[in-house]
């Protein structure tokens, strides 16, 4: 727990005003806040719930997801295209979800969306107005991407979305990469300045940015959303592609872990399940929150005790897409393992502290 709290404090994610099961120390920036975050004590059940992110189907939140929110069994909700048929309906749904959390004094939700630009843009009328590939070939990739990120974050914030699961920080090695125009560039340096610019723009608008997919899918020959993927590249190649994380992992709020395997990096298991992947990320100065790619995709689905293995490895947030049942079962499993002591209860409280601190920081703007 000490190591976890130290890393969170280094990232500015803990404040002295947040208490989750035990007192947590703060950083110097907390002292400069004019309005301290409210003291909040979470039960173990609530602390475990902070790790789960789920979605739902349709324009209105389902009765079951609202119940999970009220009871503190989820800490975040992700929105897909069918959840946002119009901007007005999306805003109404988010308001309803946050009201459900507040009704039984749960922490506010992280409300997430994939708004990368181009092919992956859940709200078509919102920025980015350029694909990441176009940002990468602009006259100034860093400033262009930052402007696009700021515009995107401002619009997302206006309807209550506080996390963008973007940008893609992968560096493709071929024109026919499955990533298509989702990636900024095949040049690691260009990809780095653009990805970091987009994150900076989002976070200027008080929307958390998410670098993805660590340690990279640019050399993958398949999509982990559709199949299990083994990245057959050399360690030297893969390390060069980590340029975006070397440049700005220390200031990103979140990093999404890849579901592929990387034998050359010593990752025989999917990165999201392997402690070595989190150590490799930590070497880049990252001390924020890690989040999985969807746990109900073929790359992970069917792997025994994936939620428990990922949690032990170092994952903070488990994302279940629109699979409410998967999120519920994962919550139940993690709670059982934590109460039995097979998962560290202190670590659960420390992770919850980091999640709640990020929520309070985003709410404070």
Protein backbone atom coordinates (compact mmCIF):
# COMPACT_ATOMS: atom_id res chain seq x y z
CA UNK A 1 0.00 0.00 0.00
CA UNK A 2 2.86 2.38 0.81
CA UNK A 3 4.25 2.13 -2.72
CA UNK A 4 0.81 2.70 -4.25
CA UNK A 5 0.10 5.78 -2.13
CA UNK A 6 3.54 7.20 -2.87
CA UNK A 7 3.05 6.88 -6.63
CA UNK A 8 -0.40 8.44 -6.48
CA UNK A 9 0.87 11.33 -4.41
CA UNK A 10 3.67 11.89 -6.91
CA UNK A 11 1.06 12.25 -9.64
CA UNK A 12 -0.92 14.76 -7.63
CA UNK A 13 -3.85 12.36 -7.29
CA UNK A 14 -4.14 12.25 -3.51
CA UNK A 15 -5.16 15.11 -1.26
CA UNK A 16 -5.23 15.32 2.47
CA UNK A 17 -8.97 15.88 2.28
CA UNK A 18 -9.67 12.39 0.94
CA UNK A 19 -10.00 9.50 3.33
CA UNK A 20 -10.75 6.01 2.05
CA UNK A 21 -10.67 3.51 4.86
CA UNK A 22 -7.56 5.19 6.28
CA UNK A 23 -5.99 8.63 6.15
CA UNK A 24 -4.11 9.33 2.91
CA UNK A 25 -1.44 12.00 2.59
CA UNK A 26 -1.55 14.84 0.06
CA UNK A 27 0.79 16.78 -2.18
CA UNK A 28 1.76 20.43 -2.26
CA UNK A 29 -0.78 21.26 -4.94
CA UNK A 30 -3.60 20.29 -2.58
CA UNK A 31 -2.62 23.18 -0.31
CA UNK A 32 -3.23 25.64 -3.14
CA UNK A 33 -6.85 24.56 -3.62
CA UNK A 34 -9.26 27.18 -2.35
CA UNK A 35 -12.06 24.64 -1.85
CA UNK A 36 -10.89 21.38 -0.27
CA UNK A 37 -12.45 18.14 -1.45
CA UNK A 38 -14.96 16.70 1.00
CA UNK A 39 -13.80 14.01 3.36
CA UNK A 40 -15.09 10.67 2.11
CA UNK A 41 -14.88 7.30 3.80
CA UNK A 42 -15.67 4.24 1.71
CA UNK A 43 -16.55 0.76 2.85
CA UNK A 44 -14.59 -2.12 1.37
CA UNK A 45 -17.59 -2.88 -0.85
CA UNK A 46 -17.54 0.66 -2.20
CA UNK A 47 -13.76 0.65 -2.61
CA UNK A 48 -13.91 -2.47 -4.77
CA UNK A 49 -16.76 -0.93 -6.77
CA UNK A 50 -14.62 2.07 -7.68
CA UNK A 51 -12.54 -0.22 -9.91
CA UNK A 52 -15.41 -1.27 -12.19
CA UNK A 53 -16.51 0.54 -15.36
CA UNK A 54 -19.58 -0.67 -17.22
CA UNK A 55 -21.82 0.38 -20.06
CA UNK A 56 -25.42 -0.29 -20.98
CA UNK A 57 -27.50 -0.54 -24.14
CA UNK A 58 -29.87 2.15 -25.38
CA UNK A 59 -30.41 5.86 -24.96
CA UNK A 60 -31.51 5.61 -21.32
CA UNK A 61 -29.52 4.05 -18.48
CA UNK A 62 -30.96 0.67 -17.61
CA UNK A 63 -32.61 -0.03 -14.27
CA UNK A 64 -29.81 -2.47 -13.47
CA UNK A 65 -26.98 -0.03 -14.16
CA UNK A 66 -28.69 2.69 -12.11
CA UNK A 67 -29.03 0.23 -9.25
CA UNK A 68 -25.34 -0.68 -9.49
CA UNK A 69 -24.44 3.01 -9.44
CA UNK A 70 -26.64 3.74 -6.40
CA UNK A 71 -25.17 0.78 -4.52
CA UNK A 72 -21.58 1.74 -5.32
CA UNK A 73 -20.81 -1.40 -7.33
CA UNK A 74 -19.38 0.59 -10.23
CA UNK A 75 -17.15 3.64 -10.27
CA UNK A 76 -17.54 4.59 -13.90
CA UNK A 77 -19.76 4.29 -16.96
CA UNK A 78 -18.73 4.17 -20.61
CA UNK A 79 -20.91 5.52 -23.41
CA UNK A 80 -21.14 4.06 -26.92
CA UNK A 81 -22.85 5.34 -30.04
CA UNK A 82 -26.25 3.86 -29.16
CA UNK A 83 -26.12 5.66 -25.80
CA UNK A 84 -25.74 9.06 -27.45
CA UNK A 85 -28.35 9.27 -30.27
CA UNK A 86 -28.50 13.01 -29.65
CA UNK A 87 -26.44 15.40 -27.55
CA UNK A 88 -29.49 16.30 -25.46
CA UNK A 89 -30.27 12.65 -24.69
CA UNK A 90 -26.66 11.98 -23.80
CA UNK A 91 -26.60 14.90 -21.37
CA UNK A 92 -29.88 13.75 -19.80
CA UNK A 93 -28.54 10.21 -19.36
CA UNK A 94 -25.35 11.44 -17.71
CA UNK A 95 -27.34 13.66 -15.37
CA UNK A 96 -29.51 10.69 -14.41
CA UNK A 97 -26.46 8.53 -13.76
CA UNK A 98 -24.77 11.14 -11.57
CA UNK A 99 -28.01 11.73 -9.67
CA UNK A 100 -28.18 8.00 -8.98
CA UNK A 101 -24.67 8.10 -7.51
CA UNK A 102 -25.48 11.12 -5.37
CA UNK A 103 -28.76 9.65 -4.11
CA UNK A 104 -26.95 7.26 -1.75
CA UNK A 105 -23.86 9.45 -1.31
CA UNK A 106 -21.60 7.49 -3.67
CA UNK A 107 -18.63 9.27 -5.25
CA UNK A 108 -19.44 10.86 -8.60
CA UNK A 109 -18.91 8.69 -11.66
CA UNK A 110 -16.16 8.72 -14.19
CA UNK A 111 -18.14 9.08 -17.43
CA UNK A 112 -16.09 7.80 -20.36
CA UNK A 113 -16.32 7.88 -24.12
CA UNK A 114 -14.10 7.03 -27.09
CA UNK A 115 -13.81 10.35 -28.93
CA UNK A 116 -10.59 9.91 -30.90
CA UNK A 117 -11.62 11.53 -34.17
CA UNK A 118 -12.22 9.91 -37.54
CA UNK A 119 -13.47 6.33 -37.42
CA UNK A 120 -13.82 6.28 -33.64
CA UNK A 121 -16.00 9.22 -32.67
CA UNK A 122 -19.09 8.32 -30.64
CA UNK A 123 -20.60 11.80 -30.95
CA UNK A 124 -20.26 12.71 -34.65
CA UNK A 125 -21.18 16.38 -34.16
CA UNK A 126 -18.41 16.94 -31.59
CA UNK A 127 -14.70 17.50 -32.23
CA UNK A 128 -12.13 16.35 -33.14
CA UNK A 129 -12.79 17.78 -36.58
CA UNK A 130 -9.64 16.07 -37.89
CA UNK A 131 -8.53 12.46 -37.84
CA UNK A 132 -5.42 11.74 -35.77
CA UNK A 133 -3.60 10.93 -39.03
CA UNK A 134 -4.38 14.43 -40.35
CA UNK A 135 -3.21 15.99 -37.11
CA UNK A 136 0.05 14.09 -37.52
CA UNK A 137 0.75 15.49 -40.98
CA UNK A 138 -0.26 19.05 -40.14
CA UNK A 139 2.32 21.82 -40.05
CA UNK A 140 2.53 21.60 -36.26
CA UNK A 141 1.35 18.23 -34.92
CA UNK A 142 1.77 19.20 -31.27
CA UNK A 143 -0.17 22.46 -31.42
CA UNK A 144 -2.77 21.10 -33.84
CA UNK A 145 -3.44 18.08 -31.65
CA UNK A 146 -3.57 20.21 -28.51
CA UNK A 147 -6.13 22.50 -30.11
CA UNK A 148 -8.22 19.52 -31.21
CA UNK A 149 -7.94 18.03 -27.73
CA UNK A 150 -9.01 21.27 -26.07
CA UNK A 151 -12.01 21.63 -28.38
CA UNK A 152 -12.96 18.00 -27.79
CA UNK A 153 -12.60 18.26 -24.04
CA UNK A 154 -14.63 21.46 -23.89
CA UNK A 155 -17.57 19.90 -25.72
CA UNK A 156 -17.41 16.63 -23.77
CA UNK A 157 -17.26 18.54 -20.51
CA UNK A 158 -20.37 20.52 -21.51
CA UNK A 159 -22.50 17.37 -21.37
CA UNK A 160 -20.85 15.78 -18.34
CA UNK A 161 -18.27 13.45 -19.91
CA UNK A 162 -15.06 13.67 -17.88
CA UNK A 163 -12.86 10.96 -19.44
CA UNK A 164 -11.92 10.60 -23.09
CA UNK A 165 -10.47 7.18 -23.89
CA UNK A 166 -8.11 8.85 -26.34
CA UNK A 167 -5.65 9.36 -27.87
CA UNK A 168 -4.21 6.30 -29.58
CA UNK A 169 -0.48 6.51 -28.82
CA UNK A 170 0.42 3.47 -30.94
CA UNK A 171 3.02 3.81 -33.69
CA UNK A 172 2.03 1.76 -36.77
CA UNK A 173 4.82 0.08 -38.72
CA UNK A 174 2.83 -0.28 -41.94
CA UNK A 175 0.26 1.63 -43.98
CA UNK A 176 -2.17 -1.27 -43.76
CA UNK A 177 -2.21 -1.35 -39.95
CA UNK A 178 -5.65 -2.15 -38.55
CA UNK A 179 -5.42 1.17 -36.70
CA UNK A 180 -5.95 3.06 -39.94
CA UNK A 181 -6.33 6.80 -39.39
CA UNK A 182 -6.69 6.38 -35.63
CA UNK A 183 -2.90 6.68 -35.22
CA UNK A 184 -1.05 9.98 -35.54
CA UNK A 185 2.04 8.82 -37.39
CA UNK A 186 4.39 5.99 -38.27
CA UNK A 187 7.19 8.18 -36.91
CA UNK A 188 7.60 7.70 -33.13
CA UNK A 189 8.63 11.31 -32.52
CA UNK A 190 5.66 12.73 -34.42
CA UNK A 191 3.30 10.29 -32.73
CA UNK A 192 4.69 11.35 -29.37
CA UNK A 193 4.30 15.11 -29.79
CA UNK A 194 0.80 14.74 -31.25
CA UNK A 195 -0.46 12.26 -28.66
CA UNK A 196 0.94 14.35 -25.84
CA UNK A 197 -0.55 17.50 -27.32
CA UNK A 198 -3.99 15.91 -27.52
CA UNK A 199 -3.76 14.78 -23.88
CA UNK A 200 -2.69 18.25 -22.81
CA UNK A 201 -5.64 19.81 -24.65
CA UNK A 202 -8.15 17.47 -23.08
CA UNK A 203 -6.78 18.04 -19.62
CA UNK A 204 -6.83 21.83 -20.07
CA UNK A 205 -10.59 21.34 -20.39
CA UNK A 206 -10.67 19.24 -17.20
CA UNK A 207 -11.29 16.02 -19.09
CA UNK A 208 -8.93 13.16 -18.34
CA UNK A 209 -6.93 11.96 -21.34
CA UNK A 210 -6.00 8.31 -21.88
CA UNK A 211 -2.88 7.18 -23.70
CA UNK A 212 -3.54 3.81 -25.33
CA UNK A 213 -2.69 0.91 -25.83
CA UNK A 214 0.43 0.28 -23.71
CA UNK A 215 2.95 -1.01 -24.70
CA UNK A 216 1.62 -0.55 -28.22
CA UNK A 217 -0.46 -2.11 -30.97
CA UNK A 218 1.28 -0.44 -33.88
CA UNK A 219 3.09 -3.66 -34.84
CA UNK A 220 0.12 -5.94 -34.16
CA UNK A 221 -1.19 -8.01 -37.05
CA UNK A 222 -4.68 -8.18 -35.64
CA UNK A 223 -7.22 -6.30 -33.55
CA UNK A 224 -7.52 -7.36 -29.91
CA UNK A 225 -11.20 -6.43 -30.07
CA UNK A 226 -11.65 -9.36 -32.44
CA UNK A 227 -8.99 -11.94 -31.61
CA UNK A 228 -6.06 -12.89 -29.41
CA UNK A 229 -2.95 -11.10 -30.63
CA UNK A 230 0.76 -11.86 -30.27
CA UNK A 231 3.00 -8.95 -31.27
CA UNK A 232 6.04 -10.45 -32.99
CA UNK A 233 8.46 -7.53 -32.94
CA UNK A 234 11.89 -7.08 -31.45
CA UNK A 235 12.46 -5.47 -28.10
CA UNK A 236 14.34 -2.63 -29.81
CA UNK A 237 11.40 -1.92 -32.12
CA UNK A 238 8.85 -2.02 -29.32
CA UNK A 239 10.96 0.20 -27.07
CA UNK A 240 11.30 2.83 -29.81
CA UNK A 241 7.51 2.88 -30.14
CA UNK A 242 7.17 3.87 -26.49
CA UNK A 243 8.14 7.45 -27.36
CA UNK A 244 4.70 8.90 -26.46
CA UNK A 245 4.94 7.39 -22.97
CA UNK A 246 8.54 8.53 -22.55
CA UNK A 247 7.41 12.05 -23.44
CA UNK A 248 4.24 12.52 -21.41
CA UNK A 249 3.18 9.47 -19.39
CA UNK A 250 4.05 11.41 -16.25
CA UNK A 251 1.33 13.97 -16.95
CA UNK A 252 -1.41 11.75 -18.39
CA UNK A 253 -4.32 10.93 -16.10
CA UNK A 254 -4.84 7.43 -17.48
CA UNK A 255 -3.14 4.78 -19.57
CA UNK A 256 -5.03 1.94 -21.22
CA UNK A 257 -3.23 -1.41 -21.07
CA UNK A 258 -3.07 -3.58 -24.16
CA UNK A 259 -4.61 -7.06 -24.28
CA UNK A 260 -1.89 -8.38 -26.63
CA UNK A 261 1.19 -10.40 -25.67
CA UNK A 262 4.76 -9.20 -26.28
CA UNK A 263 7.32 -12.04 -26.06
CA UNK A 264 10.26 -9.74 -26.85
CA UNK A 265 9.42 -7.67 -23.78
CA UNK A 266 9.06 -10.75 -21.61
CA UNK A 267 5.26 -10.50 -21.64
CA UNK A 268 4.05 -14.02 -22.37
CA UNK A 269 0.62 -13.10 -21.02
CA UNK A 270 -1.57 -10.22 -22.21
CA UNK A 271 0.02 -7.00 -20.99
CA UNK A 272 -3.05 -6.11 -18.92
CA UNK A 273 -2.53 -9.33 -16.90
CA UNK A 274 1.25 -9.12 -16.52
CA UNK A 275 2.99 -7.28 -13.65
CA UNK A 276 6.01 -6.72 -15.89
CA UNK A 277 3.94 -4.44 -18.14
CA UNK A 278 3.03 -2.17 -15.22
CA UNK A 279 6.67 -2.04 -14.13
CA UNK A 280 7.66 -1.06 -17.68
CA UNK A 281 5.05 1.71 -17.64
CA UNK A 282 6.21 2.91 -14.25
CA UNK A 283 9.71 3.33 -15.66
CA UNK A 284 8.23 6.02 -17.92
CA UNK A 285 7.24 8.09 -14.87
CA UNK A 286 3.56 7.17 -14.97
CA UNK A 287 1.82 7.32 -11.60
CA UNK A 288 -1.79 7.85 -12.65
CA UNK A 289 -4.51 5.23 -13.15
CA UNK A 290 -4.37 2.28 -15.48
CA UNK A 291 -7.46 1.02 -17.27
CA UNK A 292 -8.05 -2.13 -19.28
CA UNK A 293 -9.27 -2.37 -22.82
CA UNK A 294 -12.68 -4.06 -22.92
CA UNK A 295 -12.58 -7.23 -20.82
CA UNK A 296 -15.38 -8.83 -22.83
CA UNK A 297 -13.42 -9.02 -26.09
CA UNK A 298 -11.83 -12.22 -27.48
CA UNK A 299 -8.33 -11.22 -26.38
CA UNK A 300 -9.35 -11.55 -22.71
CA UNK A 301 -12.73 -13.26 -22.61
CA UNK A 302 -12.40 -16.86 -21.49
CA UNK A 303 -9.10 -16.43 -19.66
CA UNK A 304 -9.53 -17.87 -16.19
CA UNK A 305 -9.85 -15.32 -13.37
CA UNK A 306 -8.85 -12.45 -15.66
CA UNK A 307 -10.22 -9.77 -13.31
CA UNK A 308 -8.32 -11.14 -10.34
CA UNK A 309 -5.12 -11.63 -12.34
CA UNK A 310 -5.27 -8.09 -13.73
CA UNK A 311 -5.90 -6.63 -10.29
CA UNK A 312 -2.95 -8.51 -8.82
CA UNK A 313 -0.78 -7.38 -11.71
CA UNK A 314 -1.50 -3.71 -11.02
CA UNK A 315 -4.62 -2.71 -12.97
CA UNK A 316 -6.73 0.05 -11.41
CA UNK A 317 -9.89 0.18 -13.56
CA UNK A 318 -11.58 -2.80 -15.21
CA UNK A 319 -13.61 -1.87 -18.29
CA UNK A 320 -16.50 -4.11 -19.35
CA UNK A 321 -18.00 -2.23 -22.27
CA UNK A 322 -21.74 -2.83 -22.49
CA UNK A 323 -21.44 -6.11 -20.62
CA UNK A 324 -23.26 -5.30 -17.37
CA UNK A 325 -23.26 -8.95 -16.34
CA UNK A 326 -19.50 -9.19 -16.78
CA UNK A 327 -18.96 -6.14 -14.60
CA UNK A 328 -21.30 -7.52 -11.94
CA UNK A 329 -19.55 -10.90 -11.86
CA UNK A 330 -16.13 -9.25 -11.72
CA UNK A 331 -17.25 -7.07 -8.81
CA UNK A 332 -18.55 -10.08 -6.90
CA UNK A 333 -15.37 -12.04 -7.56
CA UNK A 334 -13.04 -9.21 -6.53
CA UNK A 335 -15.04 -8.57 -3.37
CA UNK A 336 -14.89 -12.22 -2.33
CA UNK A 337 -11.14 -12.39 -2.96
CA UNK A 338 -10.53 -9.13 -1.10
CA UNK A 339 -12.59 -10.10 1.92
CA UNK A 340 -10.74 -13.42 2.03
CA UNK A 341 -7.41 -11.60 1.96
CA UNK A 342 -6.28 -13.18 -1.31
CA UNK A 343 -6.40 -9.66 -2.73
CA UNK A 344 -4.92 -7.00 -0.45
CA UNK A 345 -7.70 -4.91 1.21
CA UNK A 346 -5.25 -2.07 1.81
CA UNK A 347 -4.40 -2.01 -1.89
CA UNK A 348 -8.11 -1.86 -2.71
CA UNK A 349 -8.50 1.17 -0.45
CA UNK A 350 -5.42 2.84 -1.93
CA UNK A 351 -6.65 2.33 -5.47
CA UNK A 352 -10.09 3.68 -4.53
CA UNK A 353 -8.36 6.74 -3.05
CA UNK A 354 -6.69 7.39 -6.38
CA UNK A 355 -9.93 6.95 -8.32
CA UNK A 356 -11.88 9.25 -6.02
CA UNK A 357 -9.10 11.83 -6.04
CA UNK A 358 -9.15 11.93 -9.84
CA UNK A 359 -12.94 12.40 -9.75
CA UNK A 360 -12.67 15.26 -7.29
CA UNK A 361 -9.88 16.87 -9.29
CA UNK A 362 -11.92 16.70 -12.49
CA UNK A 363 -15.00 18.03 -10.71
CA UNK A 364 -13.00 20.95 -9.37
CA UNK A 365 -11.80 21.82 -12.87
